[in-house]
N, C-alpha and C. Protein backbone atom coordinates (compact mmCIF):
# COMPACT_ATOMS: atom_id res chain seq x y z
N MET A 1 -8.12 9.26 1.80
CA MET A 1 -8.02 8.52 0.57
C MET A 1 -6.65 7.90 0.45
N PRO A 2 -6.53 6.67 0.75
CA PRO A 2 -5.25 6.05 0.45
C PRO A 2 -5.22 5.59 -1.01
N ASN A 3 -4.19 6.03 -1.70
CA ASN A 3 -3.91 5.58 -3.06
C ASN A 3 -2.73 4.63 -2.93
N VAL A 4 -2.97 3.33 -3.16
CA VAL A 4 -1.98 2.30 -2.88
C VAL A 4 -1.52 1.64 -4.17
N LYS A 5 -0.22 1.63 -4.37
CA LYS A 5 0.37 0.93 -5.50
C LYS A 5 1.32 -0.13 -4.94
N ILE A 6 1.09 -1.38 -5.36
CA ILE A 6 1.92 -2.49 -4.91
C ILE A 6 2.69 -3.00 -6.12
N TYR A 7 4.00 -2.81 -6.09
CA TYR A 7 4.87 -3.24 -7.18
C TYR A 7 5.50 -4.57 -6.79
N VAL A 8 5.31 -5.59 -7.61
CA VAL A 8 5.80 -6.94 -7.31
C VAL A 8 6.72 -7.39 -8.43
N ASP A 9 7.92 -7.82 -8.05
CA ASP A 9 8.87 -8.34 -9.04
C ASP A 9 8.21 -9.45 -9.85
N GLU A 10 8.31 -9.35 -11.15
CA GLU A 10 7.67 -10.35 -12.01
C GLU A 10 8.19 -11.76 -11.77
N ALA A 11 9.37 -11.88 -11.18
CA ALA A 11 9.93 -13.20 -10.88
C ALA A 11 9.13 -13.93 -9.80
N ILE A 12 8.43 -13.19 -8.94
CA ILE A 12 7.63 -13.82 -7.88
C ILE A 12 6.13 -13.59 -8.06
N TYR A 13 5.77 -12.75 -9.01
CA TYR A 13 4.37 -12.34 -9.16
C TYR A 13 3.42 -13.52 -9.37
N ALA A 14 3.73 -14.39 -10.30
CA ALA A 14 2.82 -15.51 -10.59
C ALA A 14 2.59 -16.39 -9.36
N GLY A 15 3.62 -16.57 -8.57
CA GLY A 15 3.51 -17.43 -7.39
C GLY A 15 2.74 -16.83 -6.23
N CYS A 16 2.55 -15.50 -6.24
CA CYS A 16 1.85 -14.86 -5.12
C CYS A 16 0.61 -14.09 -5.55
N ARG A 17 0.31 -14.09 -6.82
CA ARG A 17 -0.80 -13.29 -7.35
C ARG A 17 -2.11 -13.59 -6.63
N ASP A 18 -2.48 -14.85 -6.51
CA ASP A 18 -3.76 -15.20 -5.89
C ASP A 18 -3.80 -14.83 -4.40
N ARG A 19 -2.69 -15.08 -3.67
CA ARG A 19 -2.65 -14.71 -2.25
C ARG A 19 -2.73 -13.19 -2.08
N LEU A 20 -2.03 -12.48 -2.96
CA LEU A 20 -2.05 -11.02 -2.87
C LEU A 20 -3.45 -10.49 -3.20
N SER A 21 -4.07 -11.07 -4.20
CA SER A 21 -5.44 -10.67 -4.54
C SER A 21 -6.37 -10.89 -3.35
N GLY A 22 -6.22 -12.00 -2.67
CA GLY A 22 -7.04 -12.29 -1.50
C GLY A 22 -6.74 -11.39 -0.31
N ALA A 23 -5.57 -10.80 -0.28
CA ALA A 23 -5.19 -9.93 0.83
C ALA A 23 -5.64 -8.48 0.64
N LEU A 24 -6.09 -8.13 -0.56
CA LEU A 24 -6.44 -6.73 -0.82
C LEU A 24 -7.59 -6.24 0.06
N ARG A 25 -8.62 -7.04 0.25
CA ARG A 25 -9.73 -6.59 1.09
C ARG A 25 -9.29 -6.39 2.55
N PRO A 26 -8.56 -7.35 3.16
CA PRO A 26 -8.08 -7.09 4.53
C PRO A 26 -7.14 -5.87 4.60
N ILE A 27 -6.35 -5.66 3.57
CA ILE A 27 -5.48 -4.47 3.55
C ILE A 27 -6.34 -3.22 3.51
N ARG A 28 -7.34 -3.21 2.64
CA ARG A 28 -8.23 -2.04 2.56
C ARG A 28 -8.96 -1.82 3.88
N ASP A 29 -9.45 -2.90 4.48
CA ASP A 29 -10.16 -2.77 5.76
C ASP A 29 -9.27 -2.15 6.83
N MET A 30 -8.01 -2.60 6.89
CA MET A 30 -7.08 -2.05 7.87
C MET A 30 -6.82 -0.57 7.60
N LEU A 31 -6.58 -0.22 6.34
CA LEU A 31 -6.31 1.18 6.01
C LEU A 31 -7.52 2.06 6.33
N CYS A 32 -8.72 1.58 6.00
CA CYS A 32 -9.93 2.35 6.29
C CYS A 32 -10.10 2.58 7.78
N GLU A 33 -9.86 1.54 8.56
CA GLU A 33 -10.00 1.67 10.00
C GLU A 33 -8.93 2.57 10.60
N ASP A 34 -7.68 2.30 10.25
CA ASP A 34 -6.58 3.03 10.89
C ASP A 34 -6.44 4.47 10.40
N LEU A 35 -6.88 4.74 9.16
CA LEU A 35 -6.78 6.09 8.61
C LEU A 35 -8.12 6.82 8.60
N THR A 36 -9.16 6.15 9.09
CA THR A 36 -10.51 6.71 9.17
C THR A 36 -10.98 7.23 7.81
N VAL A 37 -11.08 6.31 6.86
CA VAL A 37 -11.59 6.64 5.53
C VAL A 37 -12.63 5.61 5.13
N ASP A 38 -13.48 5.96 4.20
CA ASP A 38 -14.47 5.04 3.66
C ASP A 38 -13.87 4.25 2.50
N ALA A 39 -14.32 3.03 2.32
CA ALA A 39 -13.79 2.16 1.27
C ALA A 39 -13.82 2.79 -0.13
N PRO A 40 -14.89 3.51 -0.52
CA PRO A 40 -14.89 4.09 -1.86
C PRO A 40 -13.77 5.12 -2.10
N ALA A 41 -13.18 5.61 -1.04
CA ALA A 41 -12.09 6.58 -1.19
C ALA A 41 -10.77 5.92 -1.55
N CYS A 42 -10.70 4.60 -1.43
CA CYS A 42 -9.45 3.88 -1.66
C CYS A 42 -9.21 3.62 -3.15
N GLN A 43 -7.96 3.56 -3.51
CA GLN A 43 -7.54 3.20 -4.86
C GLN A 43 -6.38 2.23 -4.74
N PHE A 44 -6.48 1.09 -5.42
CA PHE A 44 -5.43 0.08 -5.37
C PHE A 44 -4.96 -0.27 -6.77
N ALA A 45 -3.68 -0.52 -6.90
CA ALA A 45 -3.11 -1.06 -8.13
C ALA A 45 -2.02 -2.05 -7.74
N VAL A 46 -2.05 -3.22 -8.35
CA VAL A 46 -0.99 -4.22 -8.17
C VAL A 46 -0.31 -4.32 -9.52
N ILE A 47 1.01 -4.08 -9.52
CA ILE A 47 1.74 -3.93 -10.78
C ILE A 47 2.96 -4.83 -10.79
N PRO A 48 3.02 -5.81 -11.72
CA PRO A 48 4.25 -6.58 -11.85
C PRO A 48 5.33 -5.70 -12.50
N VAL A 49 6.54 -5.81 -11.98
CA VAL A 49 7.64 -4.98 -12.47
C VAL A 49 8.90 -5.83 -12.62
N LEU A 50 9.85 -5.31 -13.33
CA LEU A 50 11.17 -5.92 -13.42
C LEU A 50 12.02 -5.25 -12.35
N ALA A 51 12.24 -5.96 -11.26
CA ALA A 51 12.98 -5.39 -10.12
C ALA A 51 14.46 -5.77 -10.21
N MET A 52 15.28 -4.93 -9.64
CA MET A 52 16.71 -5.22 -9.58
C MET A 52 16.94 -6.26 -8.48
N PRO A 53 17.85 -7.21 -8.70
CA PRO A 53 18.02 -8.30 -7.74
C PRO A 53 18.53 -7.89 -6.36
N ASP A 54 19.13 -6.73 -6.24
CA ASP A 54 19.66 -6.31 -4.94
C ASP A 54 18.71 -5.36 -4.19
N LEU A 55 17.47 -5.24 -4.68
CA LEU A 55 16.48 -4.39 -4.04
C LEU A 55 15.29 -5.23 -3.60
N PRO A 56 14.45 -4.71 -2.70
CA PRO A 56 13.29 -5.49 -2.26
C PRO A 56 12.42 -5.89 -3.46
N PRO A 57 11.94 -7.13 -3.48
CA PRO A 57 11.12 -7.58 -4.60
C PRO A 57 9.70 -7.03 -4.59
N VAL A 58 9.28 -6.47 -3.46
CA VAL A 58 7.95 -5.88 -3.35
C VAL A 58 8.09 -4.48 -2.76
N ASN A 59 7.49 -3.53 -3.44
CA ASN A 59 7.48 -2.14 -2.97
C ASN A 59 6.04 -1.65 -2.94
N VAL A 60 5.67 -1.01 -1.85
CA VAL A 60 4.34 -0.44 -1.72
C VAL A 60 4.49 1.06 -1.55
N GLU A 61 3.75 1.78 -2.37
CA GLU A 61 3.69 3.23 -2.25
C GLU A 61 2.27 3.60 -1.88
N ILE A 62 2.13 4.41 -0.87
CA ILE A 62 0.81 4.86 -0.44
C ILE A 62 0.83 6.38 -0.35
N ALA A 63 -0.16 6.99 -0.99
CA ALA A 63 -0.32 8.44 -0.96
C ALA A 63 -1.61 8.74 -0.22
N ILE A 64 -1.55 9.65 0.73
CA ILE A 64 -2.72 9.99 1.54
C ILE A 64 -2.81 11.49 1.72
N MET A 65 -4.02 11.92 2.04
CA MET A 65 -4.22 13.32 2.40
C MET A 65 -3.83 13.49 3.86
N PRO A 66 -3.19 14.59 4.19
CA PRO A 66 -2.81 14.81 5.59
C PRO A 66 -4.02 15.14 6.45
N ARG A 67 -3.96 14.72 7.69
CA ARG A 67 -4.95 15.07 8.72
C ARG A 67 -4.18 15.19 10.02
N PRO A 68 -4.65 16.01 10.94
CA PRO A 68 -3.93 16.17 12.21
C PRO A 68 -3.72 14.86 12.96
N GLU A 69 -4.70 13.95 12.89
CA GLU A 69 -4.58 12.69 13.62
C GLU A 69 -3.64 11.69 12.93
N ARG A 70 -3.23 11.97 11.72
CA ARG A 70 -2.30 11.08 11.00
C ARG A 70 -0.86 11.51 11.30
N THR A 71 -0.50 11.31 12.52
CA THR A 71 0.84 11.67 12.97
C THR A 71 1.87 10.70 12.40
N ARG A 72 3.11 11.04 12.56
CA ARG A 72 4.19 10.15 12.10
C ARG A 72 4.07 8.78 12.76
N GLN A 73 3.77 8.76 14.05
CA GLN A 73 3.64 7.49 14.78
C GLN A 73 2.49 6.66 14.22
N VAL A 74 1.36 7.29 13.94
CA VAL A 74 0.22 6.58 13.37
C VAL A 74 0.60 6.01 12.00
N LEU A 75 1.24 6.81 11.17
CA LEU A 75 1.63 6.35 9.84
C LEU A 75 2.67 5.23 9.91
N LEU A 76 3.59 5.31 10.85
CA LEU A 76 4.56 4.22 11.01
C LEU A 76 3.86 2.93 11.42
N ALA A 77 2.87 3.02 12.28
CA ALA A 77 2.11 1.83 12.68
C ALA A 77 1.34 1.25 11.50
N VAL A 78 0.75 2.10 10.69
CA VAL A 78 0.04 1.65 9.48
C VAL A 78 1.03 0.97 8.54
N CYS A 79 2.20 1.56 8.37
CA CYS A 79 3.22 0.97 7.50
C CYS A 79 3.63 -0.42 8.00
N ALA A 80 3.78 -0.57 9.29
CA ALA A 80 4.17 -1.86 9.85
C ALA A 80 3.10 -2.91 9.57
N LYS A 81 1.83 -2.56 9.76
CA LYS A 81 0.74 -3.49 9.47
C LYS A 81 0.68 -3.81 7.99
N LEU A 82 0.83 -2.79 7.16
CA LEU A 82 0.79 -2.98 5.72
C LEU A 82 1.93 -3.88 5.25
N ARG A 83 3.09 -3.66 5.80
CA ARG A 83 4.25 -4.48 5.46
C ARG A 83 4.02 -5.94 5.85
N GLU A 84 3.42 -6.15 7.00
CA GLU A 84 3.14 -7.51 7.46
C GLU A 84 2.12 -8.20 6.55
N LEU A 85 1.04 -7.50 6.21
CA LEU A 85 0.00 -8.08 5.37
C LEU A 85 0.51 -8.41 3.96
N VAL A 86 1.22 -7.46 3.36
CA VAL A 86 1.74 -7.68 2.01
C VAL A 86 2.85 -8.73 2.03
N GLY A 87 3.68 -8.70 3.05
CA GLY A 87 4.74 -9.70 3.18
C GLY A 87 4.19 -11.11 3.32
N ALA A 88 3.12 -11.26 4.10
CA ALA A 88 2.50 -12.58 4.27
C ALA A 88 1.91 -13.06 2.96
N ALA A 89 1.35 -12.15 2.18
CA ALA A 89 0.72 -12.52 0.92
C ALA A 89 1.75 -12.85 -0.17
N THR A 90 2.90 -12.20 -0.13
CA THR A 90 3.89 -12.39 -1.19
C THR A 90 5.02 -13.32 -0.79
N GLY A 91 5.23 -13.48 0.51
CA GLY A 91 6.35 -14.28 0.97
C GLY A 91 7.69 -13.62 0.69
N ALA A 92 7.68 -12.30 0.58
CA ALA A 92 8.89 -11.58 0.20
C ALA A 92 9.10 -10.37 1.10
N HIS A 93 10.32 -9.84 1.06
CA HIS A 93 10.63 -8.60 1.77
C HIS A 93 9.87 -7.46 1.10
N VAL A 94 9.29 -6.57 1.91
CA VAL A 94 8.46 -5.49 1.40
C VAL A 94 9.01 -4.15 1.88
N ALA A 95 9.19 -3.23 0.95
CA ALA A 95 9.54 -1.85 1.29
C ALA A 95 8.28 -1.00 1.18
N ILE A 96 8.09 -0.08 2.12
CA ILE A 96 6.91 0.78 2.15
C ILE A 96 7.34 2.23 2.06
N ARG A 97 6.62 3.01 1.26
CA ARG A 97 6.85 4.45 1.18
C ARG A 97 5.51 5.15 1.30
N VAL A 98 5.45 6.21 2.11
CA VAL A 98 4.23 6.98 2.30
C VAL A 98 4.51 8.42 1.89
N THR A 99 3.57 8.97 1.16
CA THR A 99 3.62 10.37 0.78
C THR A 99 2.32 11.03 1.18
N THR A 100 2.41 12.19 1.81
CA THR A 100 1.19 12.95 2.06
C THR A 100 1.05 13.97 0.93
N LEU A 101 -0.17 14.11 0.46
CA LEU A 101 -0.46 14.98 -0.68
C LEU A 101 -0.78 16.40 -0.22
N ASP A 102 -0.58 17.33 -1.09
CA ASP A 102 -0.91 18.72 -0.81
C ASP A 102 -2.38 18.94 -1.16
N PRO A 103 -3.24 19.16 -0.18
CA PRO A 103 -4.67 19.31 -0.46
C PRO A 103 -4.99 20.53 -1.33
N GLU A 104 -4.10 21.50 -1.37
CA GLU A 104 -4.32 22.69 -2.20
C GLU A 104 -4.12 22.40 -3.68
N THR A 105 -3.28 21.43 -4.01
CA THR A 105 -2.99 21.18 -5.42
C THR A 105 -3.49 19.82 -5.90
N TYR A 106 -3.93 18.96 -5.00
CA TYR A 106 -4.40 17.63 -5.38
C TYR A 106 -5.80 17.70 -5.99
N ILE A 107 -5.98 17.05 -7.12
CA ILE A 107 -7.28 16.99 -7.80
C ILE A 107 -7.59 15.54 -8.09
N ALA A 108 -8.81 15.12 -7.81
CA ALA A 108 -9.24 13.75 -8.11
C ALA A 108 -10.63 13.80 -8.73
N LEU A 109 -10.77 13.19 -9.88
CA LEU A 109 -12.07 13.05 -10.52
C LEU A 109 -12.40 11.58 -10.49
N LYS A 110 -13.53 11.24 -9.89
CA LYS A 110 -13.90 9.82 -9.78
C LYS A 110 -15.23 9.58 -10.43
């Protein structure tokens, strides 16, 4: 289950909103393939924010459940692809953060 939050500086949001919206399905497809999850397990949010001018204008946070096959190398490769896709859609520098969740304490009601 990738839980993806894409924070976009409001200064660039209007100019990239449509491209970013169009990129969500390819992003989901890549995450589903590379992380071996089904589409209904995904959660996406695109959030305009007031970003500081000396920080990346786009930040992506992804939270996933750990699995043995989701090694650091696999996650780094996913991050690189995600950064490329979001960067192409926004035309901006993108920072990526990944968190693995604790399956013992994580609860999801859908």
